[in-house]
Amino acid sequence: MAELHPFIQEHFSVNNIQQLSGGDINEVYLINDATVVKLNRSDDFPQMFKEEAKGLSLLSQHFKTPTVHQIQSNEKWQLLAMEFIQQSVENSPFWIDFGQKLAKTHQISQNNFGLDSDNFIGSLHQSNHQ
């Protein structure tokens, strides 16, 4: 079992925890086999998880995305807790459906590029000032 970070412990009753991999800027954990928690230093990536939650909400209009349960932060740490979605086997209908949804997403237009607030691409700050 992974070591429980004190900031996570403040916000969750944890029966089991497993460290996940896949990124290089966040610590990521599966808690109680149901919740994924991403953790990083709030001074390194201010508001990152607030903006990630907004992005997930936008993508959920066309794709199945994890439900965000909570966002917490203090002067040192921030976390994003969201639904764990079990990986499934992708088949031909999956990719056809995915491609159609991706094409529909890219048909959305507006006067300016970007979102209405700054966000991140990985660890890089993305300015969306018009």
N, C-alpha and C. Protein backbone atom coordinates (compact mmCIF):
# COMPACT_ATOMS: atom_id res chain seq x y z
N MET A 1 0.85 -1.18 0.00
CA MET A 1 0.00 0.00 0.00
C MET A 1 0.89 1.23 0.00
N ALA A 2 0.51 2.24 -0.79
CA ALA A 2 1.27 3.50 -0.88
C ALA A 2 1.15 4.27 0.43
N GLU A 3 2.14 5.12 0.67
CA GLU A 3 2.11 5.97 1.86
C GLU A 3 1.08 7.07 1.66
N LEU A 4 0.29 7.33 2.68
CA LEU A 4 -0.78 8.31 2.58
C LEU A 4 -0.26 9.71 2.86
N HIS A 5 -0.39 10.60 1.90
CA HIS A 5 0.03 11.98 2.05
C HIS A 5 -0.90 12.66 3.08
N PRO A 6 -0.34 13.45 4.00
CA PRO A 6 -1.17 14.10 5.03
C PRO A 6 -2.30 14.96 4.47
N PHE A 7 -2.07 15.65 3.33
CA PHE A 7 -3.13 16.49 2.77
C PHE A 7 -4.30 15.63 2.28
N ILE A 8 -4.01 14.47 1.74
CA ILE A 8 -5.08 13.55 1.33
C ILE A 8 -5.81 13.04 2.57
N GLN A 9 -5.06 12.72 3.57
CA GLN A 9 -5.63 12.20 4.82
C GLN A 9 -6.60 13.19 5.45
N GLU A 10 -6.35 14.48 5.29
CA GLU A 10 -7.25 15.51 5.82
C GLU A 10 -8.63 15.47 5.18
N HIS A 11 -8.71 14.97 3.95
CA HIS A 11 -9.96 15.08 3.18
C HIS A 11 -10.66 13.76 2.89
N PHE A 12 -10.02 12.63 3.22
CA PHE A 12 -10.61 11.33 2.88
C PHE A 12 -10.45 10.34 4.01
N SER A 13 -11.45 9.51 4.16
CA SER A 13 -11.34 8.33 5.00
C SER A 13 -10.84 7.22 4.09
N VAL A 14 -9.62 6.76 4.33
CA VAL A 14 -8.97 5.84 3.39
C VAL A 14 -8.88 4.44 3.98
N ASN A 15 -9.49 3.49 3.28
CA ASN A 15 -9.35 2.07 3.65
C ASN A 15 -8.21 1.42 2.88
N ASN A 16 -8.06 1.82 1.62
CA ASN A 16 -6.92 1.34 0.84
C ASN A 16 -6.52 2.40 -0.18
N ILE A 17 -5.25 2.39 -0.51
CA ILE A 17 -4.71 3.37 -1.44
C ILE A 17 -3.67 2.70 -2.31
N GLN A 18 -3.69 3.06 -3.59
CA GLN A 18 -2.73 2.51 -4.54
C GLN A 18 -2.19 3.67 -5.36
N GLN A 19 -0.86 3.78 -5.45
CA GLN A 19 -0.28 4.84 -6.28
C GLN A 19 -0.39 4.43 -7.74
N LEU A 20 -0.86 5.37 -8.56
CA LEU A 20 -0.99 5.14 -10.00
C LEU A 20 0.13 5.87 -10.72
N SER A 21 0.37 5.49 -11.96
CA SER A 21 1.40 6.15 -12.76
C SER A 21 0.76 6.74 -14.00
N GLY A 22 1.54 7.48 -14.75
CA GLY A 22 1.05 7.99 -16.01
C GLY A 22 1.37 9.45 -16.23
N GLY A 23 1.70 10.18 -15.19
CA GLY A 23 2.04 11.58 -15.36
C GLY A 23 3.35 11.89 -14.66
N ASP A 24 3.86 13.08 -14.92
CA ASP A 24 5.12 13.43 -14.28
C ASP A 24 5.04 14.69 -13.43
N ILE A 25 3.87 15.34 -13.36
CA ILE A 25 3.77 16.56 -12.56
C ILE A 25 2.87 16.39 -11.34
N ASN A 26 2.12 15.30 -11.27
CA ASN A 26 1.22 15.06 -10.15
C ASN A 26 1.52 13.71 -9.51
N GLU A 27 1.25 13.62 -8.22
CA GLU A 27 1.16 12.32 -7.58
C GLU A 27 -0.29 11.89 -7.79
N VAL A 28 -0.50 10.63 -8.18
CA VAL A 28 -1.86 10.16 -8.48
C VAL A 28 -2.12 8.88 -7.71
N TYR A 29 -3.28 8.83 -7.06
CA TYR A 29 -3.63 7.69 -6.22
C TYR A 29 -5.05 7.22 -6.52
N LEU A 30 -5.26 5.92 -6.36
CA LEU A 30 -6.60 5.34 -6.36
C LEU A 30 -6.95 5.07 -4.92
N ILE A 31 -8.02 5.69 -4.45
CA ILE A 31 -8.42 5.56 -3.05
C ILE A 31 -9.71 4.77 -2.96
N ASN A 32 -9.69 3.76 -2.09
CA ASN A 32 -10.87 2.93 -1.82
C ASN A 32 -11.47 2.33 -3.09
N ASP A 33 -10.63 2.07 -4.08
CA ASP A 33 -11.03 1.45 -5.35
C ASP A 33 -12.10 2.23 -6.10
N ALA A 34 -12.30 3.51 -5.77
CA ALA A 34 -13.39 4.24 -6.40
C ALA A 34 -13.05 5.67 -6.78
N THR A 35 -12.03 6.26 -6.16
CA THR A 35 -11.75 7.68 -6.36
C THR A 35 -10.29 7.87 -6.76
N VAL A 36 -10.07 8.61 -7.84
CA VAL A 36 -8.72 8.97 -8.25
C VAL A 36 -8.44 10.35 -7.66
N VAL A 37 -7.29 10.46 -7.00
CA VAL A 37 -6.88 11.73 -6.42
C VAL A 37 -5.55 12.14 -7.03
N LYS A 38 -5.54 13.34 -7.60
CA LYS A 38 -4.31 13.93 -8.14
C LYS A 38 -3.85 14.99 -7.16
N LEU A 39 -2.56 15.01 -6.87
CA LEU A 39 -2.01 15.92 -5.87
C LEU A 39 -0.77 16.60 -6.42
N ASN A 40 -0.66 17.92 -6.19
CA ASN A 40 0.58 18.62 -6.52
C ASN A 40 0.72 19.85 -5.65
N ARG A 41 1.85 20.53 -5.80
CA ARG A 41 2.12 21.73 -5.01
C ARG A 41 1.37 22.91 -5.63
N SER A 42 0.60 23.57 -4.82
CA SER A 42 -0.24 24.66 -5.32
C SER A 42 0.55 25.86 -5.83
N ASP A 43 1.77 26.07 -5.31
CA ASP A 43 2.55 27.21 -5.82
C ASP A 43 3.21 26.89 -7.16
N ASP A 44 3.37 25.61 -7.51
CA ASP A 44 3.94 25.25 -8.81
C ASP A 44 2.93 25.42 -9.95
N PHE A 45 1.68 25.08 -9.68
CA PHE A 45 0.64 25.08 -10.72
C PHE A 45 -0.65 25.69 -10.17
N PRO A 46 -0.65 27.00 -9.89
CA PRO A 46 -1.84 27.62 -9.27
C PRO A 46 -3.10 27.41 -10.11
N GLN A 47 -4.14 26.99 -9.44
CA GLN A 47 -5.47 26.80 -10.06
C GLN A 47 -5.52 25.69 -11.10
N MET A 48 -4.49 24.86 -11.19
CA MET A 48 -4.46 23.83 -12.23
C MET A 48 -5.69 22.92 -12.17
N PHE A 49 -6.03 22.46 -10.98
CA PHE A 49 -7.12 21.48 -10.89
C PHE A 49 -8.49 22.13 -11.08
N LYS A 50 -8.62 23.38 -10.70
CA LYS A 50 -9.87 24.10 -10.98
C LYS A 50 -10.08 24.18 -12.50
N GLU A 51 -9.01 24.50 -13.22
CA GLU A 51 -9.10 24.59 -14.67
C GLU A 51 -9.27 23.22 -15.32
N GLU A 52 -8.63 22.20 -14.76
CA GLU A 52 -8.81 20.85 -15.29
C GLU A 52 -10.25 20.40 -15.14
N ALA A 53 -10.87 20.72 -14.01
CA ALA A 53 -12.27 20.37 -13.80
C ALA A 53 -13.17 21.06 -14.83
N LYS A 54 -12.87 22.32 -15.14
CA LYS A 54 -13.64 23.02 -16.16
C LYS A 54 -13.48 22.34 -17.52
N GLY A 55 -12.25 21.92 -17.84
CA GLY A 55 -12.01 21.23 -19.11
C GLY A 55 -12.74 19.90 -19.18
N LEU A 56 -12.74 19.16 -18.09
CA LEU A 56 -13.47 17.88 -18.06
C LEU A 56 -14.96 18.11 -18.26
N SER A 57 -15.47 19.16 -17.66
CA SER A 57 -16.89 19.48 -17.83
C SER A 57 -17.21 19.79 -19.29
N LEU A 58 -16.34 20.56 -19.96
CA LEU A 58 -16.56 20.85 -21.38
C LEU A 58 -16.51 19.58 -22.23
N LEU A 59 -15.52 18.73 -21.97
CA LEU A 59 -15.39 17.49 -22.73
C LEU A 59 -16.56 16.54 -22.48
N SER A 60 -17.17 16.62 -21.29
CA SER A 60 -18.27 15.70 -20.96
C SER A 60 -19.50 15.93 -21.82
N GLN A 61 -19.53 17.04 -22.55
CA GLN A 61 -20.65 17.27 -23.47
C GLN A 61 -20.64 16.26 -24.62
N HIS A 62 -19.48 15.65 -24.88
CA HIS A 62 -19.36 14.71 -25.99
C HIS A 62 -18.75 13.37 -25.61
N PHE A 63 -18.02 13.34 -24.49
CA PHE A 63 -17.29 12.13 -24.09
C PHE A 63 -17.63 11.75 -22.66
N LYS A 64 -17.44 10.50 -22.34
CA LYS A 64 -17.54 10.05 -20.95
C LYS A 64 -16.27 10.51 -20.25
N THR A 65 -16.42 11.37 -19.27
CA THR A 65 -15.29 11.86 -18.49
C THR A 65 -15.56 11.57 -17.02
N PRO A 66 -14.52 11.53 -16.21
CA PRO A 66 -14.76 11.28 -14.79
C PRO A 66 -15.52 12.44 -14.14
N THR A 67 -16.43 12.10 -13.25
CA THR A 67 -17.13 13.10 -12.46
C THR A 67 -16.17 13.64 -11.41
N VAL A 68 -16.06 14.95 -11.32
CA VAL A 68 -15.20 15.56 -10.32
C VAL A 68 -15.96 15.59 -8.99
N HIS A 69 -15.33 15.02 -7.95
CA HIS A 69 -15.96 14.98 -6.63
C HIS A 69 -15.59 16.21 -5.80
N GLN A 70 -14.33 16.61 -5.85
CA GLN A 70 -13.92 17.78 -5.08
C GLN A 70 -12.56 18.30 -5.53
N ILE A 71 -12.35 19.56 -5.24
CA ILE A 71 -11.06 20.23 -5.44
C ILE A 71 -10.74 20.89 -4.10
N GLN A 72 -9.55 20.65 -3.60
CA GLN A 72 -9.13 21.22 -2.32
C GLN A 72 -7.76 21.86 -2.50
N SER A 73 -7.48 22.90 -1.73
CA SER A 73 -6.14 23.49 -1.77
C SER A 73 -5.87 24.21 -0.46
N ASN A 74 -4.60 24.35 -0.17
CA ASN A 74 -4.14 25.19 0.93
C ASN A 74 -2.90 25.92 0.44
N GLU A 75 -2.12 26.49 1.33
CA GLU A 75 -0.96 27.27 0.89
C GLU A 75 0.13 26.41 0.25
N LYS A 76 0.14 25.10 0.48
CA LYS A 76 1.18 24.23 -0.07
C LYS A 76 0.69 23.25 -1.12
N TRP A 77 -0.51 22.72 -0.93
CA TRP A 77 -0.97 21.59 -1.73
C TRP A 77 -2.33 21.86 -2.37
N GLN A 78 -2.57 21.15 -3.47
CA GLN A 78 -3.91 21.13 -4.07
C GLN A 78 -4.19 19.72 -4.56
N LEU A 79 -5.47 19.37 -4.53
CA LEU A 79 -5.84 18.04 -5.02
C LEU A 79 -7.13 18.12 -5.81
N LEU A 80 -7.25 17.17 -6.71
CA LEU A 80 -8.45 16.98 -7.52
C LEU A 80 -8.88 15.54 -7.30
N ALA A 81 -10.10 15.35 -6.82
CA ALA A 81 -10.65 14.02 -6.60
C ALA A 81 -11.76 13.78 -7.61
N MET A 82 -11.68 12.64 -8.29
CA MET A 82 -12.67 12.35 -9.32
C MET A 82 -12.97 10.86 -9.38
N GLU A 83 -14.04 10.57 -10.06
CA GLU A 83 -14.50 9.20 -10.26
C GLU A 83 -13.42 8.36 -10.95
N PHE A 84 -13.26 7.13 -10.48
CA PHE A 84 -12.39 6.17 -11.16
C PHE A 84 -13.21 5.47 -12.22
N ILE A 85 -12.74 5.50 -13.45
CA ILE A 85 -13.42 4.82 -14.56
C ILE A 85 -12.56 3.62 -14.95
N GLN A 86 -13.12 2.46 -14.81
CA GLN A 86 -12.40 1.23 -15.14
C GLN A 86 -12.13 1.18 -16.64
N GLN A 87 -10.92 0.84 -17.01
CA GLN A 87 -10.59 0.72 -18.43
C GLN A 87 -11.33 -0.46 -19.03
N SER A 88 -11.83 -0.28 -20.22
CA SER A 88 -12.53 -1.36 -20.91
C SER A 88 -11.78 -1.69 -22.19
N VAL A 89 -12.17 -2.77 -22.80
CA VAL A 89 -11.56 -3.19 -24.06
C VAL A 89 -12.13 -2.34 -25.18
N GLU A 90 -11.24 -1.71 -25.94
CA GLU A 90 -11.70 -0.92 -27.08
C GLU A 90 -11.87 -1.84 -28.29
N ASN A 91 -12.95 -1.65 -28.99
CA ASN A 91 -13.21 -2.44 -30.19
C ASN A 91 -13.53 -1.49 -31.35
N SER A 92 -13.81 -2.03 -32.49
CA SER A 92 -14.07 -1.19 -33.67
C SER A 92 -15.19 -0.18 -33.44
N PRO A 93 -16.34 -0.57 -32.87
CA PRO A 93 -17.39 0.44 -32.64
C PRO A 93 -16.92 1.56 -31.69
N PHE A 94 -16.06 1.23 -30.74
CA PHE A 94 -15.54 2.25 -29.83
C PHE A 94 -14.82 3.34 -30.63
N TRP A 95 -13.92 2.93 -31.52
CA TRP A 95 -13.12 3.90 -32.26
C TRP A 95 -13.95 4.69 -33.26
N ILE A 96 -14.96 4.07 -33.84
CA ILE A 96 -15.86 4.78 -34.75
C ILE A 96 -16.62 5.86 -33.97
N ASP A 97 -17.17 5.48 -32.83
CA ASP A 97 -17.90 6.42 -31.98
C ASP A 97 -16.99 7.54 -31.49
N PHE A 98 -15.79 7.18 -31.05
CA PHE A 98 -14.82 8.17 -30.58
C PHE A 98 -14.49 9.17 -31.68
N GLY A 99 -14.22 8.67 -32.88
CA GLY A 99 -13.89 9.54 -34.01
C GLY A 99 -15.02 10.49 -34.35
N GLN A 100 -16.26 9.99 -34.32
CA GLN A 100 -17.40 10.85 -34.63
C GLN A 100 -17.57 11.94 -33.56
N LYS A 101 -17.38 11.57 -32.29
CA LYS A 101 -17.50 12.55 -31.21
C LYS A 101 -16.37 13.57 -31.27
N LEU A 102 -15.17 13.12 -31.61
CA LEU A 102 -14.04 14.05 -31.73
C LEU A 102 -14.28 15.04 -32.87
N ALA A 103 -14.78 14.54 -33.98
CA ALA A 103 -15.09 15.43 -35.11
C ALA A 103 -16.16 16.45 -34.71
N LYS A 104 -17.19 16.01 -33.99
CA LYS A 104 -18.25 16.92 -33.55
C LYS A 104 -17.69 17.98 -32.60
N THR A 105 -16.78 17.58 -31.73
CA THR A 105 -16.15 18.53 -30.80
C THR A 105 -15.38 19.60 -31.56
N HIS A 106 -14.70 19.21 -32.62
CA HIS A 106 -13.91 20.17 -33.39
C HIS A 106 -14.74 21.05 -34.32
N GLN A 107 -16.03 20.77 -34.42
CA GLN A 107 -16.90 21.63 -35.22
C GLN A 107 -17.43 22.82 -34.42
N ILE A 108 -17.21 22.84 -33.12
CA ILE A 108 -17.64 23.95 -32.29
C ILE A 108 -16.79 25.17 -32.63
N SER A 109 -17.43 26.29 -32.91
CA SER A 109 -16.66 27.48 -33.27
C SER A 109 -17.05 28.65 -32.36
N GLN A 110 -16.15 29.61 -32.31
CA GLN A 110 -16.37 30.85 -31.57
C GLN A 110 -15.47 31.91 -32.18
N ASN A 111 -15.61 33.13 -31.72
CA ASN A 111 -14.85 34.24 -32.31
C ASN A 111 -13.36 34.18 -32.01
N ASN A 112 -12.98 33.62 -30.86
CA ASN A 112 -11.58 33.58 -30.44
C ASN A 112 -11.15 32.15 -30.14
N PHE A 113 -9.85 31.92 -30.23
CA PHE A 113 -9.30 30.63 -29.84
C PHE A 113 -9.18 30.58 -28.33
N GLY A 114 -9.15 29.38 -27.79
CA GLY A 114 -8.92 29.22 -26.36
C GLY A 114 -10.19 29.29 -25.54
N LEU A 115 -10.00 29.11 -24.25
CA LEU A 115 -11.12 29.14 -23.31
C LEU A 115 -11.27 30.54 -22.73
N ASP A 116 -12.21 30.68 -21.81
CA ASP A 116 -12.43 32.00 -21.20
C ASP A 116 -11.51 32.26 -20.01
N SER A 117 -10.62 31.32 -19.70
CA SER A 117 -9.66 31.50 -18.62
C SER A 117 -8.37 30.77 -18.98
N ASP A 118 -7.29 31.15 -18.33
CA ASP A 118 -6.01 30.48 -18.55
C ASP A 118 -6.09 29.05 -18.01
N ASN A 119 -5.29 28.17 -18.57
CA ASN A 119 -5.23 26.80 -18.09
C ASN A 119 -3.84 26.25 -18.32
N PHE A 120 -3.69 24.94 -18.36
CA PHE A 120 -2.39 24.30 -18.50
C PHE A 120 -2.43 23.26 -19.60
N ILE A 121 -1.29 23.08 -20.24
CA ILE A 121 -1.06 21.94 -21.12
C ILE A 121 0.09 21.20 -20.45
N GLY A 122 -0.23 20.15 -19.72
CA GLY A 122 0.77 19.51 -18.87
C GLY A 122 1.23 20.51 -17.84
N SER A 123 2.53 20.72 -17.73
CA SER A 123 3.07 21.67 -16.77
C SER A 123 3.20 23.09 -17.34
N LEU A 124 2.84 23.27 -18.61
CA LEU A 124 2.99 24.57 -19.25
C LEU A 124 1.73 25.41 -19.09
N HIS A 125 1.92 26.63 -18.65
CA HIS A 125 0.81 27.57 -18.51
C HIS A 125 0.35 27.97 -19.91
N GLN A 126 -0.96 27.95 -20.13
CA GLN A 126 -1.53 28.36 -21.41
C GLN A 126 -2.36 29.62 -21.20
N SER A 127 -1.88 30.72 -21.75
CA SER A 127 -2.61 31.98 -21.65
C SER A 127 -3.72 32.00 -22.68
N ASN A 128 -4.91 32.34 -22.25
CA ASN A 128 -6.05 32.45 -23.16
C ASN A 128 -6.57 33.88 -23.21
N HIS A 129 -5.70 34.85 -22.91
CA HIS A 129 -6.11 36.25 -22.99
C HIS A 129 -6.38 36.60 -24.44
N GLN A 130 -7.43 37.31 -24.66
CA GLN A 130 -7.84 37.66 -26.03
C GLN A 130 -7.21 38.94 -26.46
